[in-house]
Amino acid sequence: MSLEPSQVKEIAHLARLAIEEHDIPSYAKNLSEILAFVEQMNAQDTEGVEPMAHPLDMTQRLRPDEVTEPDQRERFQAIAPATEAGLYLVPKVIE
């Protein structure tokens, strides 16, 4: 699939991105290559292939669940404009 410059402009508009006019051809080329690669991946038969969370069959190294910082809630809330029962009070922003 090859993208036209007008399509690149529309994509940039939808993504709220400002791109220079002289950069549009290179964006079109790069995005077209990405879409071609996605089409190539979609064409592969993945029937019977089990989904993986990671390409290497390994488990995550986990750190111990230990407290590393002292509780400073009272100190931080002392300088807050408004608190109640250990919570920060903020103005209502949704009607």
N, C-alpha and C. Protein backbone atom coordinates (compact mmCIF):
# COMPACT_ATOMS: atom_id res chain seq x y z
N MET A 1 0.85 -1.18 0.00
CA MET A 1 0.00 0.00 0.00
C MET A 1 0.89 1.23 0.00
N SER A 2 0.67 2.10 -0.93
CA SER A 2 1.46 3.31 -1.04
C SER A 2 0.60 4.52 -0.67
N LEU A 3 1.12 5.34 0.20
CA LEU A 3 0.39 6.52 0.64
C LEU A 3 0.70 7.71 -0.25
N GLU A 4 -0.32 8.47 -0.52
CA GLU A 4 -0.18 9.71 -1.29
C GLU A 4 0.12 10.86 -0.33
N PRO A 5 0.74 11.93 -0.82
CA PRO A 5 1.01 13.09 0.04
C PRO A 5 -0.24 13.65 0.72
N SER A 6 -1.38 13.62 0.03
CA SER A 6 -2.61 14.12 0.65
C SER A 6 -3.02 13.25 1.83
N GLN A 7 -2.78 11.94 1.74
CA GLN A 7 -3.10 11.04 2.85
C GLN A 7 -2.18 11.29 4.04
N VAL A 8 -0.92 11.58 3.76
CA VAL A 8 0.02 11.89 4.84
C VAL A 8 -0.40 13.17 5.55
N LYS A 9 -0.84 14.17 4.78
CA LYS A 9 -1.32 15.41 5.39
C LYS A 9 -2.53 15.15 6.28
N GLU A 10 -3.44 14.29 5.81
CA GLU A 10 -4.63 13.96 6.59
C GLU A 10 -4.27 13.22 7.87
N ILE A 11 -3.34 12.28 7.78
CA ILE A 11 -2.89 11.55 8.97
C ILE A 11 -2.25 12.51 9.96
N ALA A 12 -1.42 13.41 9.46
CA ALA A 12 -0.77 14.39 10.34
C ALA A 12 -1.80 15.28 11.01
N HIS A 13 -2.82 15.68 10.26
CA HIS A 13 -3.88 16.50 10.83
C HIS A 13 -4.62 15.76 11.93
N LEU A 14 -4.98 14.50 11.67
CA LEU A 14 -5.70 13.70 12.66
C LEU A 14 -4.86 13.46 13.92
N ALA A 15 -3.54 13.35 13.74
CA ALA A 15 -2.65 13.13 14.87
C ALA A 15 -2.22 14.45 15.52
N ARG A 16 -2.70 15.55 14.96
CA ARG A 16 -2.36 16.89 15.46
C ARG A 16 -0.84 17.11 15.42
N LEU A 17 -0.23 16.70 14.29
CA LEU A 17 1.20 16.87 14.08
C LEU A 17 1.43 17.91 12.99
N ALA A 18 2.39 18.77 13.22
CA ALA A 18 2.77 19.74 12.19
C ALA A 18 4.01 19.19 11.48
N ILE A 19 3.89 18.98 10.19
CA ILE A 19 5.05 18.54 9.42
C ILE A 19 5.30 19.51 8.28
N GLU A 20 6.55 19.69 7.98
CA GLU A 20 6.95 20.61 6.91
C GLU A 20 6.58 20.01 5.55
N GLU A 21 6.24 20.86 4.63
CA GLU A 21 5.83 20.43 3.29
C GLU A 21 6.92 19.61 2.60
N HIS A 22 8.18 20.00 2.78
CA HIS A 22 9.27 19.28 2.12
C HIS A 22 9.56 17.92 2.76
N ASP A 23 9.01 17.65 3.95
CA ASP A 23 9.20 16.36 4.62
C ASP A 23 8.13 15.33 4.24
N ILE A 24 7.07 15.78 3.60
CA ILE A 24 5.93 14.89 3.31
C ILE A 24 6.34 13.69 2.45
N PRO A 25 7.14 13.85 1.38
CA PRO A 25 7.52 12.67 0.59
C PRO A 25 8.26 11.60 1.41
N SER A 26 9.14 12.01 2.30
CA SER A 26 9.86 11.01 3.09
C SER A 26 8.92 10.35 4.10
N TYR A 27 7.98 11.11 4.67
CA TYR A 27 6.98 10.51 5.55
C TYR A 27 6.13 9.50 4.78
N ALA A 28 5.73 9.86 3.58
CA ALA A 28 4.91 8.96 2.76
C ALA A 28 5.67 7.67 2.48
N LYS A 29 6.94 7.79 2.15
CA LYS A 29 7.76 6.60 1.86
C LYS A 29 7.89 5.73 3.09
N ASN A 30 8.23 6.34 4.24
CA ASN A 30 8.42 5.56 5.47
C ASN A 30 7.12 4.90 5.94
N LEU A 31 6.02 5.63 5.90
CA LEU A 31 4.75 5.06 6.32
C LEU A 31 4.30 3.95 5.37
N SER A 32 4.56 4.12 4.09
CA SER A 32 4.21 3.08 3.11
C SER A 32 5.01 1.81 3.37
N GLU A 33 6.29 1.95 3.71
CA GLU A 33 7.12 0.79 4.04
C GLU A 33 6.61 0.08 5.29
N ILE A 34 6.18 0.85 6.28
CA ILE A 34 5.63 0.26 7.50
C ILE A 34 4.36 -0.52 7.18
N LEU A 35 3.46 0.08 6.39
CA LEU A 35 2.22 -0.59 6.03
C LEU A 35 2.49 -1.84 5.20
N ALA A 36 3.48 -1.80 4.32
CA ALA A 36 3.83 -2.98 3.53
C ALA A 36 4.35 -4.09 4.44
N PHE A 37 5.11 -3.73 5.45
CA PHE A 37 5.62 -4.73 6.39
C PHE A 37 4.47 -5.35 7.19
N VAL A 38 3.51 -4.53 7.59
CA VAL A 38 2.34 -5.05 8.31
C VAL A 38 1.55 -6.00 7.42
N GLU A 39 1.39 -5.66 6.15
CA GLU A 39 0.71 -6.56 5.21
C GLU A 39 1.46 -7.88 5.07
N GLN A 40 2.79 -7.79 5.05
CA GLN A 40 3.62 -8.98 4.95
C GLN A 40 3.44 -9.86 6.19
N MET A 41 3.37 -9.25 7.35
CA MET A 41 3.17 -10.01 8.58
C MET A 41 1.77 -10.63 8.62
N ASN A 42 0.76 -9.89 8.15
CA ASN A 42 -0.60 -10.41 8.13
C ASN A 42 -0.75 -11.59 7.18
N ALA A 43 0.09 -11.67 6.17
CA ALA A 43 0.01 -12.75 5.19
C ALA A 43 0.54 -14.07 5.75
N GLN A 44 1.26 -14.03 6.84
CA GLN A 44 1.84 -15.25 7.42
C GLN A 44 0.76 -16.09 8.09
N ASP A 45 0.89 -17.41 7.94
CA ASP A 45 -0.05 -18.34 8.56
C ASP A 45 0.38 -18.55 10.02
N THR A 46 -0.46 -18.12 10.94
CA THR A 46 -0.15 -18.27 12.37
C THR A 46 -1.08 -19.26 13.04
N GLU A 47 -1.73 -20.09 12.24
CA GLU A 47 -2.65 -21.09 12.79
C GLU A 47 -1.86 -22.06 13.68
N GLY A 48 -2.33 -22.22 14.89
CA GLY A 48 -1.69 -23.15 15.82
C GLY A 48 -0.50 -22.57 16.56
N VAL A 49 -0.17 -21.32 16.31
CA VAL A 49 0.94 -20.69 17.02
C VAL A 49 0.41 -20.06 18.30
N GLU A 50 0.96 -20.47 19.42
CA GLU A 50 0.50 -19.95 20.71
C GLU A 50 1.07 -18.54 20.94
N PRO A 51 0.21 -17.59 21.34
CA PRO A 51 0.70 -16.24 21.61
C PRO A 51 1.72 -16.24 22.75
N MET A 52 2.68 -15.34 22.63
CA MET A 52 3.73 -15.24 23.65
C MET A 52 3.74 -13.84 24.25
N ALA A 53 4.07 -13.75 25.52
CA ALA A 53 4.20 -12.46 26.16
C ALA A 53 5.57 -11.87 25.89
N HIS A 54 6.52 -12.72 25.53
CA HIS A 54 7.89 -12.27 25.30
C HIS A 54 8.52 -13.21 24.27
N PRO A 55 9.33 -12.71 23.35
CA PRO A 55 9.91 -13.59 22.34
C PRO A 55 10.86 -14.65 22.91
N LEU A 56 11.44 -14.38 24.05
CA LEU A 56 12.28 -15.38 24.71
C LEU A 56 11.47 -16.00 25.83
N ASP A 57 11.51 -17.29 25.95
CA ASP A 57 10.72 -17.97 26.97
C ASP A 57 11.42 -17.84 28.32
N MET A 58 11.32 -16.64 28.90
CA MET A 58 11.99 -16.36 30.17
C MET A 58 10.99 -15.70 31.12
N THR A 59 11.30 -15.77 32.40
CA THR A 59 10.48 -15.07 33.38
C THR A 59 11.16 -13.77 33.74
N GLN A 60 10.38 -12.82 34.19
CA GLN A 60 10.90 -11.52 34.61
C GLN A 60 11.69 -11.65 35.90
N ARG A 61 12.79 -10.93 35.96
CA ARG A 61 13.50 -10.83 37.22
C ARG A 61 12.75 -9.82 38.07
N LEU A 62 12.38 -10.20 39.26
CA LEU A 62 11.63 -9.31 40.12
C LEU A 62 12.48 -8.87 41.28
N ARG A 63 12.32 -7.64 41.69
CA ARG A 63 13.03 -7.14 42.86
C ARG A 63 12.21 -7.48 44.10
N PRO A 64 12.86 -7.54 45.24
CA PRO A 64 12.10 -7.81 46.46
C PRO A 64 11.12 -6.67 46.75
N ASP A 65 9.96 -6.99 47.27
CA ASP A 65 8.95 -6.00 47.60
C ASP A 65 9.25 -5.45 48.99
N GLU A 66 10.14 -4.46 49.01
CA GLU A 66 10.58 -3.87 50.27
C GLU A 66 10.37 -2.36 50.23
N VAL A 67 10.08 -1.78 51.38
CA VAL A 67 9.97 -0.33 51.50
C VAL A 67 11.37 0.25 51.40
N THR A 68 11.54 1.23 50.51
CA THR A 68 12.86 1.83 50.33
C THR A 68 12.89 3.30 50.73
N GLU A 69 11.72 3.90 50.96
CA GLU A 69 11.67 5.30 51.36
C GLU A 69 10.80 5.43 52.60
N PRO A 70 11.14 6.39 53.46
CA PRO A 70 10.31 6.58 54.65
C PRO A 70 8.98 7.24 54.29
N ASP A 71 7.97 7.03 55.12
CA ASP A 71 6.66 7.64 54.93
C ASP A 71 6.74 9.12 55.28
N GLN A 72 6.53 9.99 54.28
CA GLN A 72 6.62 11.44 54.48
C GLN A 72 5.29 12.13 54.18
N ARG A 73 4.19 11.38 54.26
CA ARG A 73 2.89 11.94 53.92
C ARG A 73 2.57 13.18 54.75
N GLU A 74 2.79 13.13 56.05
CA GLU A 74 2.48 14.29 56.91
C GLU A 74 3.27 15.52 56.46
N ARG A 75 4.52 15.32 56.13
CA ARG A 75 5.38 16.44 55.69
C ARG A 75 4.86 17.05 54.40
N PHE A 76 4.49 16.19 53.44
CA PHE A 76 4.01 16.70 52.16
C PHE A 76 2.63 17.33 52.28
N GLN A 77 1.78 16.76 53.10
CA GLN A 77 0.44 17.31 53.24
C GLN A 77 0.43 18.60 54.06
N ALA A 78 1.47 18.84 54.84
CA ALA A 78 1.54 20.08 55.62
C ALA A 78 1.62 21.30 54.71
N ILE A 79 2.16 21.14 53.51
CA ILE A 79 2.30 22.28 52.59
C ILE A 79 1.20 22.29 51.52
N ALA A 80 0.30 21.30 51.53
CA ALA A 80 -0.79 21.25 50.56
C ALA A 80 -1.87 22.26 50.94
N PRO A 81 -2.56 22.83 49.95
CA PRO A 81 -3.61 23.81 50.25
C PRO A 81 -4.76 23.23 51.07
N ALA A 82 -5.16 21.98 50.79
CA ALA A 82 -6.28 21.39 51.53
C ALA A 82 -6.15 19.88 51.57
N THR A 83 -6.30 19.31 52.77
CA THR A 83 -6.29 17.86 52.94
C THR A 83 -7.38 17.46 53.92
N GLU A 84 -7.78 16.21 53.86
CA GLU A 84 -8.76 15.69 54.80
C GLU A 84 -8.58 14.18 54.90
N ALA A 85 -8.42 13.68 56.10
CA ALA A 85 -8.28 12.25 56.37
C ALA A 85 -7.15 11.63 55.56
N GLY A 86 -6.05 12.35 55.41
CA GLY A 86 -4.90 11.84 54.68
C GLY A 86 -4.99 11.94 53.17
N LEU A 87 -6.01 12.61 52.66
CA LEU A 87 -6.20 12.74 51.23
C LEU A 87 -6.07 14.22 50.81
N TYR A 88 -5.61 14.43 49.60
CA TYR A 88 -5.53 15.79 49.06
C TYR A 88 -6.90 16.19 48.54
N LEU A 89 -7.35 17.37 48.86
CA LEU A 89 -8.62 17.89 48.34
C LEU A 89 -8.33 18.83 47.19
N VAL A 90 -9.05 18.62 46.09
CA VAL A 90 -8.85 19.44 44.89
C VAL A 90 -10.19 20.01 44.45
N PRO A 91 -10.18 21.11 43.72
CA PRO A 91 -11.45 21.69 43.26
C PRO A 91 -12.14 20.74 42.27
N LYS A 92 -13.47 20.76 42.29
CA LYS A 92 -14.25 19.96 41.37
C LYS A 92 -14.10 20.55 39.96
N VAL A 93 -13.79 19.68 38.99
CA VAL A 93 -13.60 20.17 37.63
C VAL A 93 -14.63 19.64 36.65
N ILE A 94 -15.44 18.68 37.09
CA ILE A 94 -16.48 18.13 36.22
C ILE A 94 -17.83 18.37 36.88
N GLU A 95 -18.74 18.91 36.09
CA GLU A 95 -20.08 19.20 36.62
C GLU A 95 -20.89 17.94 36.71
